[in-house]
Amino acid sequence: MPYFQKAENALKRAEEFEVVDKPELALETLHDLITSRRHRTWGPTHEVILIKYIDLCIKLQKGRMARDGLHQYKTIAGQTAISSLETVIRHYLQASEARVAEAWEASRGSTSTGVTAEAAGVDVEDLEETETPESVLLSAVSEEGTQERSDRVMLTPWLKFLWEA
């Protein structure tokens, strides 16, 4: 765990990790800052840091880490900046709801047969073929339609994430 003299430096480091497509390291950097005892005095940058932290948690589907960060932030901002805590919690709920809406659109936006062949990882040679062999077999074995399967694969994890939020 690197030591950051200023909270802004940790935020810059996390943004650098995001630029090079390493969101896990960015999240870990911000988590270390939030849980550090050296940065227990609230400042306006803490709100920006926690919003970035929440966005990373949602991107990586880390609900437990998001809740832990909120608990730590409550300790930091609980007595001095209640409105900041409210802003961060509202952002968390709104961003979670937006992600569920995106998953809903993605599940409804799939082809009429459910999950597309590219999403399923199947190489389809005939472009006029509307159903993949996997979808034909699944429809023969189960009674649920391809839309229900698509919803379960794409939407259910995000609904669970929102429920936990």
N, C-alpha and C. Protein backbone atom coordinates (compact mmCIF):
# COMPACT_ATOMS: atom_id res chain seq x y z
N MET A 1 0.84 -1.18 0.00
CA MET A 1 0.00 0.00 0.00
C MET A 1 0.88 1.24 0.00
N PRO A 2 0.86 2.00 -1.09
CA PRO A 2 1.67 3.22 -1.12
C PRO A 2 1.04 4.29 -0.24
N TYR A 3 1.88 5.11 0.32
CA TYR A 3 1.42 6.21 1.16
C TYR A 3 1.28 7.46 0.30
N PHE A 4 0.14 8.11 0.40
CA PHE A 4 -0.08 9.34 -0.36
C PHE A 4 -0.15 10.50 0.63
N GLN A 5 0.67 11.52 0.38
CA GLN A 5 0.69 12.69 1.24
C GLN A 5 -0.65 13.43 1.15
N LYS A 6 -1.17 13.51 -0.08
CA LYS A 6 -2.44 14.20 -0.31
C LYS A 6 -3.42 13.22 -0.94
N ALA A 7 -4.69 13.42 -0.65
CA ALA A 7 -5.73 12.57 -1.22
C ALA A 7 -5.83 12.77 -2.73
N GLU A 8 -5.53 13.96 -3.21
CA GLU A 8 -5.59 14.24 -4.64
C GLU A 8 -4.60 13.37 -5.43
N ASN A 9 -3.46 13.07 -4.80
CA ASN A 9 -2.47 12.24 -5.48
C ASN A 9 -3.00 10.82 -5.70
N ALA A 10 -3.73 10.30 -4.73
CA ALA A 10 -4.32 8.96 -4.88
C ALA A 10 -5.38 8.98 -5.99
N LEU A 11 -6.14 10.06 -6.06
CA LEU A 11 -7.14 10.17 -7.12
C LEU A 11 -6.47 10.21 -8.49
N LYS A 12 -5.38 10.96 -8.61
CA LYS A 12 -4.66 11.00 -9.88
C LYS A 12 -4.10 9.63 -10.24
N ARG A 13 -3.57 8.93 -9.26
CA ARG A 13 -3.03 7.59 -9.51
C ARG A 13 -4.14 6.65 -9.98
N ALA A 14 -5.31 6.73 -9.36
CA ALA A 14 -6.43 5.88 -9.76
C ALA A 14 -6.87 6.20 -11.19
N GLU A 15 -6.88 7.47 -11.54
CA GLU A 15 -7.24 7.85 -12.91
C GLU A 15 -6.21 7.35 -13.91
N GLU A 16 -4.93 7.36 -13.50
CA GLU A 16 -3.89 6.81 -14.38
C GLU A 16 -4.09 5.31 -14.60
N PHE A 17 -4.46 4.60 -13.54
CA PHE A 17 -4.73 3.17 -13.67
C PHE A 17 -5.92 2.92 -14.59
N GLU A 18 -6.90 3.79 -14.53
CA GLU A 18 -8.06 3.63 -15.41
C GLU A 18 -7.69 3.86 -16.87
N VAL A 19 -6.81 4.80 -17.12
CA VAL A 19 -6.39 5.10 -18.49
C VAL A 19 -5.71 3.89 -19.12
N VAL A 20 -4.92 3.16 -18.32
CA VAL A 20 -4.23 1.99 -18.85
C VAL A 20 -5.06 0.72 -18.67
N ASP A 21 -6.36 0.88 -18.44
CA ASP A 21 -7.33 -0.22 -18.35
C ASP A 21 -7.01 -1.19 -17.22
N LYS A 22 -6.76 -0.65 -16.04
CA LYS A 22 -6.54 -1.45 -14.83
C LYS A 22 -7.47 -0.93 -13.73
N PRO A 23 -8.79 -1.12 -13.90
CA PRO A 23 -9.72 -0.57 -12.91
C PRO A 23 -9.60 -1.24 -11.54
N GLU A 24 -9.15 -2.50 -11.50
CA GLU A 24 -9.00 -3.17 -10.21
C GLU A 24 -7.94 -2.46 -9.35
N LEU A 25 -6.83 -2.07 -9.98
CA LEU A 25 -5.78 -1.37 -9.24
C LEU A 25 -6.24 0.03 -8.83
N ALA A 26 -7.03 0.67 -9.68
CA ALA A 26 -7.57 1.98 -9.33
C ALA A 26 -8.48 1.87 -8.13
N LEU A 27 -9.33 0.85 -8.12
CA LEU A 27 -10.24 0.64 -7.00
C LEU A 27 -9.46 0.34 -5.72
N GLU A 28 -8.43 -0.48 -5.84
CA GLU A 28 -7.62 -0.81 -4.67
C GLU A 28 -6.91 0.43 -4.12
N THR A 29 -6.42 1.29 -5.00
CA THR A 29 -5.75 2.51 -4.58
C THR A 29 -6.71 3.41 -3.80
N LEU A 30 -7.91 3.59 -4.33
CA LEU A 30 -8.88 4.44 -3.64
C LEU A 30 -9.36 3.79 -2.34
N HIS A 31 -9.50 2.48 -2.34
CA HIS A 31 -9.91 1.79 -1.11
C HIS A 31 -8.86 1.96 -0.02
N ASP A 32 -7.60 1.84 -0.40
CA ASP A 32 -6.53 2.04 0.58
C ASP A 32 -6.56 3.46 1.15
N LEU A 33 -6.86 4.43 0.32
CA LEU A 33 -6.94 5.81 0.78
C LEU A 33 -8.11 6.01 1.73
N ILE A 34 -9.26 5.45 1.36
CA ILE A 34 -10.46 5.64 2.18
C ILE A 34 -10.31 4.97 3.55
N THR A 35 -9.66 3.83 3.59
CA THR A 35 -9.51 3.11 4.86
C THR A 35 -8.30 3.58 5.66
N SER A 36 -7.46 4.42 5.08
CA SER A 36 -6.27 4.91 5.78
C SER A 36 -6.66 5.83 6.93
N ARG A 37 -5.97 5.69 8.04
CA ARG A 37 -6.23 6.54 9.20
C ARG A 37 -5.65 7.94 9.02
N ARG A 38 -4.73 8.10 8.10
CA ARG A 38 -4.10 9.40 7.88
C ARG A 38 -5.04 10.39 7.20
N HIS A 39 -6.03 9.89 6.50
CA HIS A 39 -6.93 10.76 5.74
C HIS A 39 -8.34 10.73 6.34
N ARG A 40 -8.45 10.90 7.65
CA ARG A 40 -9.74 10.85 8.32
C ARG A 40 -10.41 12.21 8.44
N THR A 41 -9.75 13.27 8.06
CA THR A 41 -10.33 14.60 8.12
C THR A 41 -11.00 14.88 6.78
N TRP A 42 -12.29 15.23 6.83
CA TRP A 42 -13.04 15.42 5.60
C TRP A 42 -12.58 16.66 4.86
N GLY A 43 -12.55 16.54 3.54
CA GLY A 43 -12.27 17.66 2.64
C GLY A 43 -13.12 17.48 1.39
N PRO A 44 -13.31 18.52 0.61
CA PRO A 44 -14.15 18.41 -0.59
C PRO A 44 -13.65 17.35 -1.58
N THR A 45 -12.36 17.08 -1.57
CA THR A 45 -11.84 16.06 -2.49
C THR A 45 -12.30 14.67 -2.10
N HIS A 46 -12.62 14.48 -0.84
CA HIS A 46 -13.09 13.16 -0.42
C HIS A 46 -14.38 12.77 -1.13
N GLU A 47 -15.25 13.74 -1.35
CA GLU A 47 -16.50 13.47 -2.07
C GLU A 47 -16.22 13.03 -3.50
N VAL A 48 -15.31 13.74 -4.16
CA VAL A 48 -14.94 13.39 -5.54
C VAL A 48 -14.32 12.00 -5.57
N ILE A 49 -13.46 11.72 -4.60
CA ILE A 49 -12.80 10.42 -4.52
C ILE A 49 -13.82 9.32 -4.32
N LEU A 50 -14.77 9.54 -3.43
CA LEU A 50 -15.74 8.48 -3.18
C LEU A 50 -16.69 8.28 -4.36
N ILE A 51 -17.03 9.32 -5.06
CA ILE A 51 -17.86 9.14 -6.26
C ILE A 51 -17.11 8.32 -7.31
N LYS A 52 -15.82 8.60 -7.48
CA LYS A 52 -15.00 7.80 -8.40
C LYS A 52 -14.92 6.35 -7.91
N TYR A 53 -14.78 6.17 -6.60
CA TYR A 53 -14.72 4.84 -5.99
C TYR A 53 -16.02 4.07 -6.25
N ILE A 54 -17.14 4.74 -6.08
CA ILE A 54 -18.45 4.12 -6.31
C ILE A 54 -18.60 3.73 -7.78
N ASP A 55 -18.18 4.62 -8.68
CA ASP A 55 -18.26 4.31 -10.11
C ASP A 55 -17.43 3.07 -10.46
N LEU A 56 -16.25 2.96 -9.88
CA LEU A 56 -15.41 1.79 -10.13
C LEU A 56 -16.05 0.52 -9.55
N CYS A 57 -16.64 0.64 -8.38
CA CYS A 57 -17.30 -0.52 -7.77
C CYS A 57 -18.46 -1.00 -8.64
N ILE A 58 -19.21 -0.07 -9.18
CA ILE A 58 -20.33 -0.44 -10.05
C ILE A 58 -19.81 -1.06 -11.34
N LYS A 59 -18.77 -0.48 -11.90
CA LYS A 59 -18.19 -1.01 -13.14
C LYS A 59 -17.71 -2.45 -12.95
N LEU A 60 -17.13 -2.74 -11.79
CA LEU A 60 -16.58 -4.07 -11.53
C LEU A 60 -17.55 -4.98 -10.77
N GLN A 61 -18.75 -4.50 -10.49
CA GLN A 61 -19.77 -5.23 -9.74
C GLN A 61 -19.25 -5.67 -8.37
N LYS A 62 -18.70 -4.74 -7.63
CA LYS A 62 -18.18 -5.00 -6.29
C LYS A 62 -19.06 -4.30 -5.27
N GLY A 63 -20.22 -4.87 -5.01
CA GLY A 63 -21.17 -4.27 -4.09
C GLY A 63 -20.68 -4.21 -2.66
N ARG A 64 -19.99 -5.24 -2.25
CA ARG A 64 -19.48 -5.29 -0.89
C ARG A 64 -18.43 -4.21 -0.64
N MET A 65 -17.56 -4.02 -1.62
CA MET A 65 -16.54 -2.97 -1.48
C MET A 65 -17.19 -1.58 -1.48
N ALA A 66 -18.26 -1.42 -2.25
CA ALA A 66 -18.97 -0.14 -2.28
C ALA A 66 -19.57 0.15 -0.91
N ARG A 67 -20.19 -0.85 -0.31
CA ARG A 67 -20.76 -0.66 1.02
C ARG A 67 -19.68 -0.37 2.06
N ASP A 68 -18.55 -1.07 1.95
CA ASP A 68 -17.45 -0.81 2.87
C ASP A 68 -16.93 0.62 2.71
N GLY A 69 -16.81 1.07 1.48
CA GLY A 69 -16.38 2.45 1.24
C GLY A 69 -17.36 3.46 1.80
N LEU A 70 -18.66 3.16 1.67
CA LEU A 70 -19.67 4.06 2.23
C LEU A 70 -19.60 4.11 3.75
N HIS A 71 -19.36 2.96 4.38
CA HIS A 71 -19.21 2.94 5.83
C HIS A 71 -17.99 3.76 6.27
N GLN A 72 -16.89 3.61 5.55
CA GLN A 72 -15.69 4.38 5.86
C GLN A 72 -15.95 5.87 5.66
N TYR A 73 -16.68 6.20 4.58
CA TYR A 73 -16.96 7.61 4.30
C TYR A 73 -17.89 8.19 5.35
N LYS A 74 -18.79 7.38 5.86
CA LYS A 74 -19.68 7.84 6.94
C LYS A 74 -18.85 8.22 8.16
N THR A 75 -17.81 7.45 8.43
CA THR A 75 -16.93 7.77 9.54
C THR A 75 -16.19 9.08 9.27
N ILE A 76 -15.77 9.30 8.04
CA ILE A 76 -15.01 10.50 7.70
C ILE A 76 -15.91 11.74 7.68
N ALA A 77 -17.06 11.64 7.01
CA ALA A 77 -17.90 12.82 6.77
C ALA A 77 -19.14 12.86 7.65
N GLY A 78 -19.31 11.90 8.53
CA GLY A 78 -20.54 11.79 9.30
C GLY A 78 -20.88 12.97 10.17
N GLN A 79 -19.90 13.59 10.79
CA GLN A 79 -20.17 14.71 11.70
C GLN A 79 -20.05 16.07 11.03
N THR A 80 -19.23 16.17 9.99
CA THR A 80 -18.95 17.49 9.42
C THR A 80 -19.65 17.76 8.10
N ALA A 81 -19.92 16.74 7.31
CA ALA A 81 -20.47 16.96 5.97
C ALA A 81 -21.57 15.95 5.65
N ILE A 82 -22.68 16.09 6.31
CA ILE A 82 -23.82 15.18 6.09
C ILE A 82 -24.34 15.31 4.67
N SER A 83 -24.36 16.50 4.12
CA SER A 83 -24.87 16.68 2.76
C SER A 83 -23.97 15.98 1.74
N SER A 84 -22.69 15.93 2.00
CA SER A 84 -21.77 15.22 1.12
C SER A 84 -22.06 13.72 1.16
N LEU A 85 -22.30 13.19 2.34
CA LEU A 85 -22.65 11.78 2.48
C LEU A 85 -23.94 11.47 1.72
N GLU A 86 -24.91 12.37 1.83
CA GLU A 86 -26.17 12.19 1.10
C GLU A 86 -25.94 12.22 -0.41
N THR A 87 -25.10 13.12 -0.88
CA THR A 87 -24.79 13.22 -2.31
C THR A 87 -24.16 11.92 -2.82
N VAL A 88 -23.24 11.36 -2.05
CA VAL A 88 -22.56 10.14 -2.47
C VAL A 88 -23.53 8.96 -2.49
N ILE A 89 -24.39 8.86 -1.48
CA ILE A 89 -25.35 7.75 -1.44
C ILE A 89 -26.35 7.87 -2.59
N ARG A 90 -26.81 9.08 -2.85
CA ARG A 90 -27.73 9.27 -3.99
C ARG A 90 -27.05 8.91 -5.31
N HIS A 91 -25.79 9.27 -5.45
CA HIS A 91 -25.05 8.91 -6.67
C HIS A 91 -24.96 7.40 -6.80
N TYR A 92 -24.69 6.73 -5.71
CA TYR A 92 -24.58 5.26 -5.72
C TYR A 92 -25.90 4.63 -6.18
N LEU A 93 -27.01 5.08 -5.65
CA LEU A 93 -28.30 4.51 -6.03
C LEU A 93 -28.67 4.85 -7.47
N GLN A 94 -28.43 6.09 -7.87
CA GLN A 94 -28.76 6.48 -9.25
C GLN A 94 -27.88 5.77 -10.27
N ALA A 95 -26.61 5.62 -9.97
CA ALA A 95 -25.71 4.93 -10.90
C ALA A 95 -26.08 3.44 -10.99
N SER A 96 -26.47 2.86 -9.87
CA SER A 96 -26.90 1.44 -9.88
C SER A 96 -28.16 1.28 -10.71
N GLU A 97 -29.12 2.19 -10.53
CA GLU A 97 -30.36 2.13 -11.31
C GLU A 97 -30.07 2.33 -12.80
N ALA A 98 -29.15 3.22 -13.11
CA ALA A 98 -28.79 3.45 -14.52
C ALA A 98 -28.16 2.20 -15.12
N ARG A 99 -27.35 1.50 -14.35
CA ARG A 99 -26.71 0.28 -14.85
C ARG A 99 -27.75 -0.82 -15.08
N VAL A 100 -28.76 -0.90 -14.22
CA VAL A 100 -29.84 -1.86 -14.42
C VAL A 100 -30.62 -1.50 -15.68
N ALA A 101 -30.85 -0.22 -15.91
CA ALA A 101 -31.56 0.20 -17.12
C ALA A 101 -30.76 -0.15 -18.37
N GLU A 102 -29.43 0.00 -18.31
CA GLU A 102 -28.58 -0.39 -19.44
C GLU A 102 -28.66 -1.89 -19.69
N ALA A 103 -28.64 -2.66 -18.62
CA ALA A 103 -28.74 -4.12 -18.76
C ALA A 103 -30.11 -4.50 -19.33
N TRP A 104 -31.15 -3.80 -18.91
CA TRP A 104 -32.49 -4.05 -19.43
C TRP A 104 -32.54 -3.79 -20.93
N GLU A 105 -31.97 -2.66 -21.35
CA GLU A 105 -31.94 -2.33 -22.77
C GLU A 105 -31.10 -3.33 -23.55
N ALA A 106 -30.00 -3.76 -22.97
CA ALA A 106 -29.15 -4.75 -23.65
C ALA A 106 -29.88 -6.07 -23.79
N SER A 107 -30.64 -6.44 -22.78
CA SER A 107 -31.36 -7.71 -22.86
C SER A 107 -32.52 -7.61 -23.85
N ARG A 108 -33.16 -6.46 -23.92
CA ARG A 108 -34.27 -6.27 -24.87
C ARG A 108 -33.75 -5.98 -26.27
N GLY A 109 -32.52 -5.49 -26.36
CA GLY A 109 -31.95 -5.14 -27.64
C GLY A 109 -31.36 -6.32 -28.37
N SER A 110 -31.31 -7.48 -27.72
CA SER A 110 -30.78 -8.65 -28.42
C SER A 110 -31.76 -9.06 -29.50
N THR A 111 -31.33 -9.94 -30.35
CA THR A 111 -32.16 -10.36 -31.48
C THR A 111 -33.43 -11.03 -30.98
N SER A 112 -34.34 -11.27 -31.87
CA SER A 112 -35.62 -11.88 -31.49
C SER A 112 -35.44 -13.29 -30.96
N THR A 113 -34.32 -13.88 -31.21
CA THR A 113 -34.10 -15.23 -30.70
C THR A 113 -33.33 -15.23 -29.39
N GLY A 114 -33.10 -14.04 -28.82
CA GLY A 114 -32.40 -13.99 -27.54
C GLY A 114 -30.99 -13.51 -27.70
N VAL A 115 -30.07 -14.18 -27.09
CA VAL A 115 -28.67 -13.78 -27.11
C VAL A 115 -28.11 -13.97 -28.51
N THR A 116 -27.35 -12.98 -28.98
CA THR A 116 -26.80 -13.06 -30.32
C THR A 116 -25.69 -14.09 -30.37
N ALA A 117 -25.36 -14.51 -31.57
CA ALA A 117 -24.32 -15.52 -31.74
C ALA A 117 -22.97 -14.97 -31.31
N GLU A 118 -22.72 -13.68 -31.56
CA GLU A 118 -21.45 -13.10 -31.14
C GLU A 118 -21.34 -13.07 -29.63
N ALA A 119 -22.46 -12.74 -28.95
CA ALA A 119 -22.43 -12.70 -27.48
C ALA A 119 -22.25 -14.09 -26.90
N ALA A 120 -22.78 -15.09 -27.57
CA ALA A 120 -22.65 -16.46 -27.08
C ALA A 120 -21.30 -17.06 -27.44
N GLY A 121 -20.53 -16.37 -28.27
CA GLY A 121 -19.21 -16.86 -28.64
C GLY A 121 -19.26 -17.92 -29.72
N VAL A 122 -20.30 -17.91 -30.54
CA VAL A 122 -20.46 -18.91 -31.59
C VAL A 122 -20.11 -18.26 -32.92
N ASP A 123 -19.36 -18.96 -33.74
CA ASP A 123 -19.00 -18.47 -35.06
C ASP A 123 -20.03 -19.00 -36.06
N VAL A 124 -20.88 -18.09 -36.55
CA VAL A 124 -21.94 -18.47 -37.48
C VAL A 124 -21.47 -18.14 -38.89
N GLU A 125 -21.44 -19.15 -39.74
CA GLU A 125 -20.99 -18.93 -41.11
C GLU A 125 -22.11 -18.42 -42.00
N ASP A 126 -23.34 -18.88 -41.79
CA ASP A 126 -24.47 -18.47 -42.61
C ASP A 126 -25.11 -17.24 -41.95
N LEU A 127 -25.04 -16.10 -42.61
CA LEU A 127 -25.57 -14.88 -42.02
C LEU A 127 -27.09 -14.85 -42.00
N GLU A 128 -27.74 -15.68 -42.80
CA GLU A 128 -29.19 -15.71 -42.81
C GLU A 128 -29.74 -16.63 -41.73
N GLU A 129 -28.88 -17.34 -41.06
CA GLU A 129 -29.30 -18.25 -40.00
C GLU A 129 -29.73 -17.42 -38.79
N THR A 130 -30.98 -17.54 -38.38
CA THR A 130 -31.49 -16.71 -37.29
C THR A 130 -31.31 -17.36 -35.94
N GLU A 131 -31.25 -18.66 -35.87
CA GLU A 131 -31.09 -19.34 -34.59
C GLU A 131 -29.80 -20.15 -34.60
N THR A 132 -29.10 -20.07 -33.50
CA THR A 132 -27.88 -20.85 -33.37
C THR A 132 -28.25 -22.27 -32.94
N PRO A 133 -27.40 -23.23 -33.16
CA PRO A 133 -27.70 -24.60 -32.71
C PRO A 133 -27.93 -24.67 -31.19
N GLU A 134 -27.21 -23.83 -30.45
CA GLU A 134 -27.39 -23.83 -29.00
C GLU A 134 -28.79 -23.37 -28.60
N SER A 135 -29.29 -22.34 -29.29
CA SER A 135 -30.63 -21.85 -28.95
C SER A 135 -31.71 -22.85 -29.33
N VAL A 136 -31.51 -23.61 -30.41
CA VAL A 136 -32.47 -24.65 -30.80
C VAL A 136 -32.48 -25.75 -29.75
N LEU A 137 -31.30 -26.18 -29.30
CA LEU A 137 -31.23 -27.21 -28.26
C LEU A 137 -31.83 -26.73 -26.95
N LEU A 138 -31.55 -25.50 -26.57
CA LEU A 138 -32.11 -24.98 -25.33
C LEU A 138 -33.63 -24.87 -25.39
N SER A 139 -34.16 -24.50 -26.55
CA SER A 139 -35.61 -24.39 -26.66
C SER A 139 -36.27 -25.77 -26.62
N ALA A 140 -35.55 -26.80 -27.08
CA ALA A 140 -36.09 -28.15 -27.03
C ALA A 140 -36.07 -28.71 -25.61
N VAL A 141 -35.09 -28.32 -24.83
CA VAL A 141 -34.93 -28.87 -23.49
C VAL A 141 -35.75 -28.13 -22.46
N SER A 142 -35.81 -26.81 -22.55
CA SER A 142 -36.53 -26.03 -21.54
C SER A 142 -37.74 -25.35 -22.14
N GLU A 143 -38.66 -24.99 -21.28
CA GLU A 143 -39.88 -24.33 -21.73
C GLU A 143 -39.72 -22.82 -21.78
N GLU A 144 -38.73 -22.27 -21.07
CA GLU A 144 -38.58 -20.82 -21.07
C GLU A 144 -38.05 -20.35 -22.42
N GLY A 145 -38.48 -19.17 -22.80
CA GLY A 145 -38.07 -18.64 -24.08
C GLY A 145 -36.67 -18.06 -24.02
N THR A 146 -36.20 -17.71 -25.18
CA THR A 146 -34.85 -17.16 -25.25
C THR A 146 -34.78 -15.79 -24.58
N GLN A 147 -35.88 -15.05 -24.57
CA GLN A 147 -35.88 -13.74 -23.92
C GLN A 147 -35.70 -13.91 -22.41
N GLU A 148 -36.34 -14.92 -21.83
CA GLU A 148 -36.18 -15.16 -20.39
C GLU A 148 -34.75 -15.56 -20.06
N ARG A 149 -34.15 -16.39 -20.91
CA ARG A 149 -32.75 -16.78 -20.69
C ARG A 149 -31.84 -15.56 -20.81
N SER A 150 -32.11 -14.74 -21.79
CA SER A 150 -31.32 -13.53 -21.99
C SER A 150 -31.45 -12.61 -20.78
N ASP A 151 -32.67 -12.45 -20.28
CA ASP A 151 -32.88 -11.63 -19.09
C ASP A 151 -32.10 -12.19 -17.90
N ARG A 152 -32.13 -13.50 -17.75
CA ARG A 152 -31.46 -14.12 -16.61
C ARG A 152 -29.95 -13.91 -16.70
N VAL A 153 -29.39 -14.00 -17.90
CA VAL A 153 -27.95 -13.87 -18.06
C VAL A 153 -27.50 -12.42 -17.92
N MET A 154 -28.23 -11.50 -18.52
CA MET A 154 -27.78 -10.11 -18.58
C MET A 154 -28.34 -9.23 -17.47
N LEU A 155 -29.56 -9.45 -17.07
CA LEU A 155 -30.24 -8.52 -16.18
C LEU A 155 -30.18 -8.93 -14.72
N THR A 156 -30.27 -10.20 -14.43
CA THR A 156 -30.36 -10.65 -13.04
C THR A 156 -29.18 -10.23 -12.18
N PRO A 157 -27.93 -10.34 -12.65
CA PRO A 157 -26.83 -9.90 -11.78
C PRO A 157 -26.91 -8.42 -11.41
N TRP A 158 -27.38 -7.60 -12.35
CA TRP A 158 -27.48 -6.17 -12.06
C TRP A 158 -28.66 -5.87 -11.15
N LEU A 159 -29.74 -6.62 -11.29
CA LEU A 159 -30.85 -6.44 -10.35
C LEU A 159 -30.44 -6.81 -8.93
N LYS A 160 -29.66 -7.86 -8.80
CA LYS A 160 -29.15 -8.27 -7.50
C LYS A 160 -28.23 -7.18 -6.93
N PHE A 161 -27.39 -6.60 -7.80
CA PHE A 161 -26.49 -5.52 -7.37
C PHE A 161 -27.30 -4.32 -6.87
N LEU A 162 -28.36 -3.96 -7.60
CA LEU A 162 -29.20 -2.84 -7.20
C LEU A 162 -29.91 -3.13 -5.90
N TRP A 163 -30.39 -4.35 -5.72
CA TRP A 163 -31.07 -4.73 -4.49
C TRP A 163 -30.13 -4.59 -3.30
N GLU A 164 -28.89 -5.02 -3.46
CA GLU A 164 -27.92 -4.90 -2.38
C GLU A 164 -27.55 -3.45 -2.11
N ALA A 165 -27.62 -2.62 -3.15
CA ALA A 165 -27.32 -1.19 -2.96
C ALA A 165 -28.36 -0.55 -2.07
